[in-house]
Amino acid sequence: MKHSVIIIVALAVLIPGLAHAQCEADTDCRGGRVCRSGECVDAAAQSCGKDTDCPDPMLCLEARCTAPAPAPSAPSSGKKDIVYAERQSSGIPEIWVPGLITFTLAWGATIGITAGTGGQGDQIAFAAIPAFGPFILLGHERTGDDYIAPLILSGVFQTAGLGFFIAGLAMTKTERVPVGVALQDGPLPTRLVVLPGPVGTLDSFGLNLSLLNL
């Protein structure tokens, strides 16, 4: 009887303690709670002094364990790329236009000066011959010595201007011209390309949208 009383008293002491102890570690608790003094408590209600006092991934903010804010999603890049196409054009204006101006001024000046200085009909006709006219006049019997230097300069300018004019027209150059805009959103394998072109019938013209596979 005495032993039975001892066992009953021991169980009466231990059972409340075992019932009171809900956990031994944080892993024994659910729902994001932590184990403190044998009880599962809300982690947010736990006081802390530093981040290591809080269970992962919580942080210690204002002396309380707080769940971190979700990371903001990356904004859409929304890249816009200009689509270029190579186009060949015949003639280089930067060359043939100055050449034409130089030749025209020298040729017109030769005719005008020859006529204004009392040149005869054959002299004016020779002066009107492009590039070669001034050099022909150099051997004319009525060409004065004071007119030789201007004729040489006129012949040089006419020949150079005519050469630049012909070369500039004969040359071709390749240019990269914009033909549309490609809209890219992130690392997508396709792009939306905006290109000018016919719309509906052949008499209409506008912008066409198409997907370009890269």
Protein backbone atom coordinates (compact mmCIF):
# COMPACT_ATOMS: atom_id res chain seq x y z
CA MET A 1 0.00 0.00 0.00
CA LYS A 2 2.81 2.34 0.87
CA HIS A 3 4.48 1.75 -2.53
CA SER A 4 1.21 2.41 -4.32
CA VAL A 5 0.86 5.79 -2.62
CA ILE A 6 4.40 6.76 -3.62
CA ILE A 7 3.74 5.84 -7.26
CA ILE A 8 0.49 7.80 -7.30
CA VAL A 9 2.18 10.88 -5.82
CA ALA A 10 5.04 10.66 -8.36
CA LEU A 11 2.64 10.42 -11.26
CA ALA A 12 0.64 13.34 -9.89
CA VAL A 13 3.83 15.43 -9.94
CA LEU A 14 5.16 14.30 -13.35
CA ILE A 15 1.94 14.19 -15.38
CA PRO A 16 1.19 17.94 -15.08
CA GLY A 17 4.78 18.69 -16.05
CA LEU A 18 4.60 16.36 -19.07
CA ALA A 19 1.26 17.80 -20.08
CA HIS A 20 2.62 21.30 -19.72
CA ALA A 21 5.72 20.62 -21.86
CA GLN A 22 4.38 20.89 -25.43
CA CYS A 23 7.77 20.92 -27.15
CA GLU A 24 11.48 20.54 -26.73
CA ALA A 25 12.67 22.20 -29.97
CA ASP A 26 11.31 24.53 -32.66
CA THR A 27 10.78 21.53 -34.95
CA ASP A 28 8.13 20.22 -32.53
CA CYS A 29 5.94 23.28 -33.26
CA ARG A 30 3.85 23.96 -36.34
CA GLY A 31 2.50 26.99 -38.13
CA GLY A 32 5.72 28.97 -37.90
CA ARG A 33 5.73 28.90 -34.10
CA VAL A 34 8.84 28.41 -31.95
CA CYS A 35 9.48 26.45 -28.76
CA ARG A 36 10.01 28.64 -25.68
CA SER A 37 10.02 27.18 -22.15
CA GLY A 38 8.34 24.00 -23.37
CA GLU A 39 5.50 25.89 -25.07
CA CYS A 40 4.88 26.63 -28.77
CA VAL A 41 4.47 30.37 -29.12
CA ASP A 42 4.01 32.69 -32.10
CA ALA A 43 7.43 33.71 -33.42
CA ALA A 44 6.17 37.21 -34.15
CA ALA A 45 5.49 37.72 -30.46
CA GLN A 46 9.03 36.73 -29.53
CA SER A 47 11.30 39.51 -28.35
CA CYS A 48 14.79 39.66 -29.80
CA GLY A 49 17.99 41.63 -29.75
CA LYS A 50 19.50 40.49 -33.07
CA ASP A 51 18.55 38.47 -36.14
CA THR A 52 20.10 35.27 -34.74
CA ASP A 53 17.52 35.30 -31.91
CA CYS A 54 14.77 34.68 -34.49
CA PRO A 55 14.08 31.52 -36.49
CA ASP A 56 14.93 31.60 -40.19
CA PRO A 57 13.95 33.44 -42.24
CA MET A 58 12.64 35.99 -39.75
CA LEU A 59 14.53 39.17 -38.91
CA CYS A 60 14.73 41.17 -35.69
CA LEU A 61 12.91 44.45 -36.33
CA GLU A 62 12.02 46.81 -33.49
CA ALA A 63 12.89 44.09 -30.93
CA ARG A 64 10.33 41.70 -32.46
CA CYS A 65 10.86 38.78 -34.80
CA THR A 66 9.28 39.78 -38.09
CA ALA A 67 8.92 37.94 -41.38
CA PRO A 68 10.89 39.66 -44.15
CA ALA A 69 8.99 41.50 -46.87
CA PRO A 70 8.75 39.63 -50.19
CA ALA A 71 11.33 40.67 -52.78
CA PRO A 72 9.88 42.93 -55.49
CA SER A 73 9.51 41.32 -58.87
CA ALA A 74 11.90 42.46 -61.57
CA PRO A 75 10.30 45.06 -63.85
CA SER A 76 9.82 44.26 -67.49
CA SER A 77 12.78 45.37 -69.56
CA GLY A 78 10.59 46.59 -72.41
CA LYS A 79 13.54 46.95 -74.75
CA LYS A 80 13.01 48.61 -78.10
CA ASP A 81 15.49 47.72 -80.79
CA ILE A 82 15.60 49.51 -84.13
CA VAL A 83 15.70 47.14 -87.08
CA TYR A 84 18.13 48.20 -89.80
CA ALA A 85 18.47 47.14 -93.40
CA GLU A 86 21.36 47.71 -95.79
CA ARG A 87 20.59 49.84 -98.83
CA GLN A 88 22.88 50.56 -101.74
CA SER A 89 22.60 53.94 -103.40
CA SER A 90 24.24 54.94 -106.66
CA GLY A 91 26.07 58.22 -106.72
CA ILE A 92 27.73 60.07 -103.86
CA PRO A 93 26.41 63.65 -103.68
CA GLU A 94 29.32 64.71 -101.49
CA ILE A 95 31.59 64.12 -104.51
CA TRP A 96 29.62 64.83 -107.68
CA VAL A 97 27.85 68.00 -106.48
CA PRO A 98 31.09 69.95 -105.73
CA GLY A 99 32.55 68.62 -108.97
CA LEU A 100 29.56 69.87 -110.99
CA ILE A 101 29.71 73.30 -109.33
CA THR A 102 33.45 73.63 -109.96
CA PHE A 103 33.15 72.62 -113.61
CA THR A 104 30.16 74.88 -114.27
CA LEU A 105 31.80 77.96 -112.75
CA ALA A 106 35.09 77.46 -114.60
CA TRP A 107 33.39 76.64 -117.93
CA GLY A 108 30.98 79.60 -117.73
CA ALA A 109 33.77 81.98 -116.68
CA THR A 110 35.91 80.92 -119.65
CA ILE A 111 33.12 81.58 -122.14
CA GLY A 112 32.20 84.89 -120.54
CA ILE A 113 35.75 86.22 -120.32
CA THR A 114 36.54 85.13 -123.88
CA ALA A 115 33.47 86.89 -125.23
CA GLY A 116 33.99 89.96 -123.02
CA THR A 117 37.60 90.49 -124.10
CA GLY A 118 36.72 90.72 -127.79
CA GLY A 119 37.11 87.09 -128.75
CA GLN A 120 36.02 86.13 -132.23
CA GLY A 121 33.44 83.51 -133.11
CA ASP A 122 35.91 80.64 -133.33
CA GLN A 123 37.49 81.58 -129.99
CA ILE A 124 34.10 81.58 -128.26
CA ALA A 125 33.33 78.21 -129.87
CA PHE A 126 36.61 76.76 -128.59
CA ALA A 127 35.94 78.23 -125.10
CA ALA A 128 32.59 76.42 -125.05
CA ILE A 129 34.23 73.00 -125.43
CA PRO A 130 34.20 71.40 -121.93
CA ALA A 131 37.61 70.79 -120.31
CA PHE A 132 39.57 70.82 -123.60
CA GLY A 133 38.49 74.30 -124.76
CA PRO A 134 40.95 76.29 -122.62
CA PHE A 135 43.88 74.15 -123.78
CA ILE A 136 42.85 74.59 -127.43
CA LEU A 137 42.74 78.36 -126.96
CA LEU A 138 46.32 78.30 -125.68
CA GLY A 139 47.48 77.52 -129.22
CA HIS A 140 45.19 80.03 -130.90
CA GLU A 141 46.98 82.76 -132.80
CA ARG A 142 44.91 85.56 -131.30
CA THR A 143 45.35 84.46 -127.66
CA GLY A 144 47.38 87.10 -125.77
CA ASP A 145 50.11 86.34 -123.26
CA ASP A 146 48.08 87.87 -120.43
CA TYR A 147 45.31 85.33 -121.11
CA ILE A 148 47.49 82.20 -120.92
CA ALA A 149 47.50 81.80 -117.09
CA PRO A 150 43.70 82.16 -116.74
CA LEU A 151 43.19 79.58 -119.51
CA ILE A 152 45.48 77.10 -117.77
CA LEU A 153 43.63 77.56 -114.46
CA SER A 154 40.27 77.21 -116.21
CA GLY A 155 41.36 74.02 -117.94
CA VAL A 156 42.61 72.52 -114.66
CA PHE A 157 39.42 73.40 -112.75
CA GLN A 158 37.16 72.18 -115.56
CA THR A 159 39.03 68.88 -115.85
CA ALA A 160 39.06 68.33 -112.06
CA GLY A 161 35.41 69.29 -111.68
CA LEU A 162 34.33 67.07 -114.56
CA GLY A 163 36.37 64.18 -113.14
CA PHE A 164 34.80 64.50 -109.68
CA PHE A 165 31.34 64.76 -111.25
CA ILE A 166 31.72 61.55 -113.27
CA ALA A 167 33.41 59.63 -110.42
CA GLY A 168 30.77 60.71 -107.92
CA LEU A 169 27.96 59.47 -110.16
CA ALA A 170 29.72 56.16 -110.85
CA MET A 171 30.40 55.33 -107.19
CA THR A 172 27.97 53.43 -104.94
CA LYS A 173 27.73 53.35 -101.16
CA THR A 174 26.00 51.08 -98.67
CA GLU A 175 23.93 52.64 -95.90
CA ARG A 176 22.17 51.15 -92.86
CA VAL A 177 18.69 52.64 -92.74
CA PRO A 178 16.04 52.04 -90.02
CA VAL A 179 13.08 50.08 -91.35
CA GLY A 180 11.15 49.33 -88.15
CA VAL A 181 11.13 48.91 -84.38
CA ALA A 182 11.43 45.55 -82.59
CA LEU A 183 9.80 45.38 -79.14
CA GLN A 184 11.49 42.88 -76.82
CA ASP A 185 10.25 41.97 -73.35
CA GLY A 186 12.89 39.91 -71.56
CA PRO A 187 14.84 37.01 -73.09
CA LEU A 188 12.09 35.96 -75.48
CA PRO A 189 12.98 34.06 -78.67
CA THR A 190 10.58 36.18 -80.74
CA ARG A 191 10.25 39.87 -81.35
CA LEU A 192 7.40 42.06 -82.49
CA VAL A 193 8.57 43.98 -85.56
CA VAL A 194 6.85 47.07 -86.93
CA LEU A 195 7.51 47.52 -90.63
CA PRO A 196 6.01 49.86 -93.23
CA GLY A 197 4.13 48.15 -96.04
CA PRO A 198 0.87 47.81 -97.96
CA VAL A 199 -2.29 47.41 -95.94
CA GLY A 200 -5.34 45.75 -97.42
CA THR A 201 -5.26 46.71 -101.08
CA LEU A 202 -2.22 47.86 -103.00
CA ASP A 203 -3.48 51.46 -102.88
CA SER A 204 -3.16 51.63 -99.08
CA PHE A 205 0.06 52.00 -97.13
CA GLY A 206 0.67 51.75 -93.40
CA LEU A 207 2.45 49.78 -90.68
CA ASN A 208 2.47 46.00 -90.49
CA LEU A 209 3.02 44.05 -87.25
CA SER A 210 4.76 40.70 -87.45
CA LEU A 211 6.57 38.27 -85.14
CA LEU A 212 10.21 37.75 -86.02
CA ASN A 213 11.86 34.52 -84.84
CA LEU A 214 15.46 35.08 -83.75
